[in-house]
N, C-alpha and C. Protein backbone atom coordinates (compact mmCIF):
# COMPACT_ATOMS: atom_id res chain seq x y z
N MET A 1 8.45 0.05 6.20
CA MET A 1 7.54 1.17 6.07
C MET A 1 6.46 1.05 7.13
N PRO A 2 6.31 2.02 8.03
CA PRO A 2 5.39 1.91 9.14
C PRO A 2 3.92 1.87 8.78
N VAL A 3 3.51 2.26 7.60
CA VAL A 3 2.09 2.23 7.24
C VAL A 3 1.55 0.81 7.39
N GLY A 4 2.33 -0.19 7.07
CA GLY A 4 1.90 -1.57 7.22
C GLY A 4 3.03 -2.52 6.91
N GLN A 5 3.12 -3.58 7.66
CA GLN A 5 4.10 -4.61 7.38
C GLN A 5 3.62 -5.41 6.18
N VAL A 6 4.50 -5.67 5.25
CA VAL A 6 4.13 -6.42 4.06
C VAL A 6 4.84 -7.75 4.11
N SER A 7 4.11 -8.81 4.01
CA SER A 7 4.67 -10.14 4.04
C SER A 7 4.76 -10.71 2.63
N ARG A 8 5.90 -11.22 2.31
CA ARG A 8 6.06 -11.89 1.03
C ARG A 8 5.92 -13.41 1.19
N ASN A 9 5.54 -13.83 2.38
CA ASN A 9 5.41 -15.24 2.69
C ASN A 9 3.97 -15.55 3.08
N PRO A 10 3.17 -16.15 2.17
CA PRO A 10 1.76 -16.41 2.47
C PRO A 10 1.54 -17.30 3.68
N SER A 11 2.53 -18.07 4.11
CA SER A 11 2.33 -18.97 5.24
C SER A 11 2.18 -18.19 6.54
N ASN A 12 2.49 -16.88 6.56
CA ASN A 12 2.31 -16.08 7.76
C ASN A 12 0.85 -15.86 8.08
N CYS A 13 -0.04 -16.05 7.14
CA CYS A 13 -1.47 -15.82 7.35
C CYS A 13 -2.15 -17.14 7.69
N ASN A 14 -2.73 -17.20 8.90
CA ASN A 14 -3.39 -18.45 9.28
C ASN A 14 -4.87 -18.45 8.95
N GLY A 15 -5.38 -17.33 8.40
CA GLY A 15 -6.78 -17.28 7.99
C GLY A 15 -7.75 -16.94 9.09
N ASP A 16 -7.28 -16.87 10.36
CA ASP A 16 -8.17 -16.56 11.47
C ASP A 16 -8.64 -15.12 11.46
N ASP A 17 -7.76 -14.21 11.04
CA ASP A 17 -8.17 -12.81 10.97
C ASP A 17 -7.39 -12.12 9.87
N MET A 18 -7.95 -11.00 9.42
CA MET A 18 -7.29 -10.26 8.35
C MET A 18 -6.33 -9.26 8.97
N THR A 19 -5.05 -9.44 8.72
CA THR A 19 -4.04 -8.53 9.23
C THR A 19 -3.20 -8.04 8.07
N ASP A 20 -2.22 -7.21 8.38
CA ASP A 20 -1.35 -6.69 7.34
C ASP A 20 -0.57 -7.79 6.62
N THR A 21 -0.49 -8.98 7.20
CA THR A 21 0.24 -10.06 6.55
C THR A 21 -0.51 -10.59 5.34
N THR A 22 -1.74 -10.13 5.13
CA THR A 22 -2.49 -10.55 3.95
C THR A 22 -2.15 -9.68 2.75
N LEU A 23 -1.30 -8.67 2.94
CA LEU A 23 -0.96 -7.74 1.86
C LEU A 23 0.34 -8.14 1.17
N THR A 24 0.36 -7.93 -0.13
CA THR A 24 1.55 -8.14 -0.93
C THR A 24 1.90 -6.82 -1.60
N GLU A 25 3.16 -6.41 -1.48
CA GLU A 25 3.61 -5.19 -2.12
C GLU A 25 3.93 -5.48 -3.59
N LEU A 26 3.20 -4.84 -4.49
CA LEU A 26 3.38 -5.06 -5.92
C LEU A 26 4.39 -4.10 -6.52
N HIS A 27 4.49 -2.90 -5.96
CA HIS A 27 5.41 -1.89 -6.49
C HIS A 27 5.73 -0.92 -5.36
N HIS A 28 6.94 -0.36 -5.38
CA HIS A 28 7.37 0.58 -4.35
C HIS A 28 8.30 1.61 -4.97
N ARG A 29 8.19 2.83 -4.48
CA ARG A 29 9.14 3.87 -4.88
C ARG A 29 9.38 4.78 -3.70
N SER A 30 10.56 5.39 -3.71
CA SER A 30 10.97 6.27 -2.63
C SER A 30 11.75 7.43 -3.21
N ALA A 31 11.42 8.66 -2.79
CA ALA A 31 12.15 9.84 -3.24
C ALA A 31 11.92 10.98 -2.26
N ASP A 32 12.98 11.64 -1.86
CA ASP A 32 12.90 12.85 -1.05
C ASP A 32 12.06 12.67 0.20
N GLY A 33 12.20 11.52 0.87
CA GLY A 33 11.47 11.28 2.11
C GLY A 33 10.05 10.77 1.95
N ILE A 34 9.62 10.55 0.72
CA ILE A 34 8.26 10.06 0.47
C ILE A 34 8.34 8.61 -0.01
N GLU A 35 7.63 7.75 0.68
CA GLU A 35 7.55 6.32 0.34
C GLU A 35 6.15 6.05 -0.21
N VAL A 36 6.08 5.38 -1.35
CA VAL A 36 4.79 5.03 -1.96
C VAL A 36 4.80 3.55 -2.29
N SER A 37 3.77 2.84 -1.86
CA SER A 37 3.65 1.40 -2.13
C SER A 37 2.29 1.08 -2.73
N LEU A 38 2.30 0.21 -3.72
CA LEU A 38 1.07 -0.35 -4.27
C LEU A 38 0.88 -1.72 -3.64
N LEU A 39 -0.20 -1.87 -2.89
CA LEU A 39 -0.45 -3.09 -2.12
C LEU A 39 -1.68 -3.83 -2.64
N TRP A 40 -1.62 -5.14 -2.59
CA TRP A 40 -2.73 -6.00 -3.02
C TRP A 40 -3.11 -6.92 -1.87
N SER A 41 -4.40 -7.00 -1.56
CA SER A 41 -4.90 -7.89 -0.53
C SER A 41 -5.31 -9.22 -1.15
N ARG A 42 -4.72 -10.30 -0.66
CA ARG A 42 -5.08 -11.64 -1.14
C ARG A 42 -6.49 -12.03 -0.68
N ILE A 43 -6.94 -11.45 0.41
CA ILE A 43 -8.26 -11.79 0.95
C ILE A 43 -9.37 -11.11 0.14
N THR A 44 -9.24 -9.80 -0.09
CA THR A 44 -10.31 -9.04 -0.73
C THR A 44 -10.06 -8.77 -2.21
N ASN A 45 -8.85 -9.04 -2.69
CA ASN A 45 -8.42 -8.77 -4.05
C ASN A 45 -8.43 -7.26 -4.35
N ALA A 46 -8.36 -6.44 -3.30
CA ALA A 46 -8.38 -4.98 -3.45
C ALA A 46 -6.96 -4.43 -3.55
N LEU A 47 -6.82 -3.35 -4.31
CA LEU A 47 -5.56 -2.64 -4.43
C LEU A 47 -5.63 -1.35 -3.62
N THR A 48 -4.51 -1.03 -2.97
CA THR A 48 -4.41 0.18 -2.16
C THR A 48 -3.05 0.80 -2.40
N VAL A 49 -3.00 2.13 -2.42
CA VAL A 49 -1.73 2.84 -2.47
C VAL A 49 -1.50 3.44 -1.09
N ALA A 50 -0.37 3.11 -0.48
CA ALA A 50 0.01 3.63 0.84
C ALA A 50 1.13 4.65 0.65
N VAL A 51 0.99 5.80 1.31
CA VAL A 51 1.94 6.89 1.19
C VAL A 51 2.40 7.30 2.58
N GLU A 52 3.71 7.51 2.74
CA GLU A 52 4.26 8.03 3.99
C GLU A 52 5.29 9.10 3.66
N ASP A 53 5.10 10.26 4.25
CA ASP A 53 6.03 11.38 4.08
C ASP A 53 6.77 11.53 5.40
N SER A 54 8.03 11.12 5.45
CA SER A 54 8.80 11.17 6.68
C SER A 54 9.13 12.60 7.10
N ARG A 55 9.10 13.53 6.18
CA ARG A 55 9.39 14.92 6.51
C ARG A 55 8.25 15.55 7.31
N SER A 56 7.03 15.32 6.89
CA SER A 56 5.88 15.93 7.56
C SER A 56 5.23 15.01 8.58
N GLY A 57 5.55 13.71 8.51
CA GLY A 57 4.91 12.73 9.39
C GLY A 57 3.55 12.28 8.89
N MET A 58 3.13 12.78 7.73
CA MET A 58 1.83 12.45 7.17
C MET A 58 1.87 11.07 6.50
N SER A 59 0.82 10.31 6.68
CA SER A 59 0.67 9.04 5.97
C SER A 59 -0.80 8.82 5.68
N PHE A 60 -1.07 8.17 4.57
CA PHE A 60 -2.45 7.88 4.19
C PHE A 60 -2.48 6.72 3.22
N GLU A 61 -3.66 6.13 3.07
CA GLU A 61 -3.89 5.05 2.12
C GLU A 61 -5.07 5.43 1.23
N ILE A 62 -4.98 5.05 -0.04
CA ILE A 62 -6.01 5.37 -1.01
C ILE A 62 -6.44 4.08 -1.71
N PRO A 63 -7.74 3.78 -1.76
CA PRO A 63 -8.19 2.65 -2.58
C PRO A 63 -7.82 2.93 -4.03
N ALA A 64 -7.37 1.90 -4.74
CA ALA A 64 -6.94 2.07 -6.13
C ALA A 64 -7.67 1.07 -7.01
N PRO A 65 -8.68 1.51 -7.74
CA PRO A 65 -9.37 0.60 -8.67
C PRO A 65 -8.35 0.02 -9.66
N ALA A 66 -8.52 -1.21 -10.04
CA ALA A 66 -7.55 -1.90 -10.91
C ALA A 66 -7.23 -1.10 -12.17
N GLU A 67 -8.25 -0.48 -12.77
CA GLU A 67 -8.02 0.24 -14.03
C GLU A 67 -7.25 1.55 -13.83
N LYS A 68 -7.14 2.02 -12.58
CA LYS A 68 -6.42 3.27 -12.31
C LYS A 68 -5.27 3.08 -11.32
N ALA A 69 -4.94 1.85 -10.97
CA ALA A 69 -3.97 1.59 -9.90
C ALA A 69 -2.61 2.23 -10.17
N LEU A 70 -2.09 2.11 -11.37
CA LEU A 70 -0.78 2.70 -11.65
C LEU A 70 -0.83 4.22 -11.65
N ASP A 71 -1.93 4.79 -12.08
CA ASP A 71 -2.09 6.24 -12.05
C ASP A 71 -2.13 6.73 -10.59
N VAL A 72 -2.88 6.03 -9.75
CA VAL A 72 -2.94 6.38 -8.32
C VAL A 72 -1.55 6.22 -7.70
N PHE A 73 -0.83 5.18 -8.07
CA PHE A 73 0.53 4.95 -7.56
C PHE A 73 1.46 6.09 -7.97
N GLU A 74 1.37 6.54 -9.21
CA GLU A 74 2.25 7.60 -9.71
C GLU A 74 1.89 8.98 -9.15
N TYR A 75 0.62 9.24 -8.92
CA TYR A 75 0.15 10.56 -8.50
C TYR A 75 -0.75 10.46 -7.26
N PRO A 76 -0.27 9.89 -6.16
CA PRO A 76 -1.15 9.67 -5.01
C PRO A 76 -1.68 10.95 -4.38
N PHE A 77 -0.93 12.03 -4.44
CA PHE A 77 -1.41 13.27 -3.81
C PHE A 77 -2.58 13.87 -4.60
N ALA A 78 -2.65 13.61 -5.88
CA ALA A 78 -3.78 14.07 -6.68
C ALA A 78 -5.06 13.31 -6.30
N TYR A 79 -4.92 12.04 -5.96
CA TYR A 79 -6.08 11.23 -5.60
C TYR A 79 -6.40 11.32 -4.12
N GLY A 80 -5.43 11.68 -3.30
CA GLY A 80 -5.62 11.74 -1.86
C GLY A 80 -6.24 13.03 -1.39
N ALA A 81 -6.37 14.01 -2.28
CA ALA A 81 -6.89 15.32 -1.86
C ALA A 81 -8.38 15.29 -1.65
């Protein structure tokens, strides 16, 4: 998914700088050209929902508070507006 590379191997992060390798994908879904990922940062402990629509070329990320993370994941266009 072009929005960000997700590493499942923590040894890829050397701690010198914060890159996409600090993210872990917790959940992913794909339907009709739309990719949605729930990402967690090991550095900041923040949750983000990343969305990419291959049909329109649109992509965006939304901060997802822990108490609403699954709701943001399920309905990202409602939160991204």
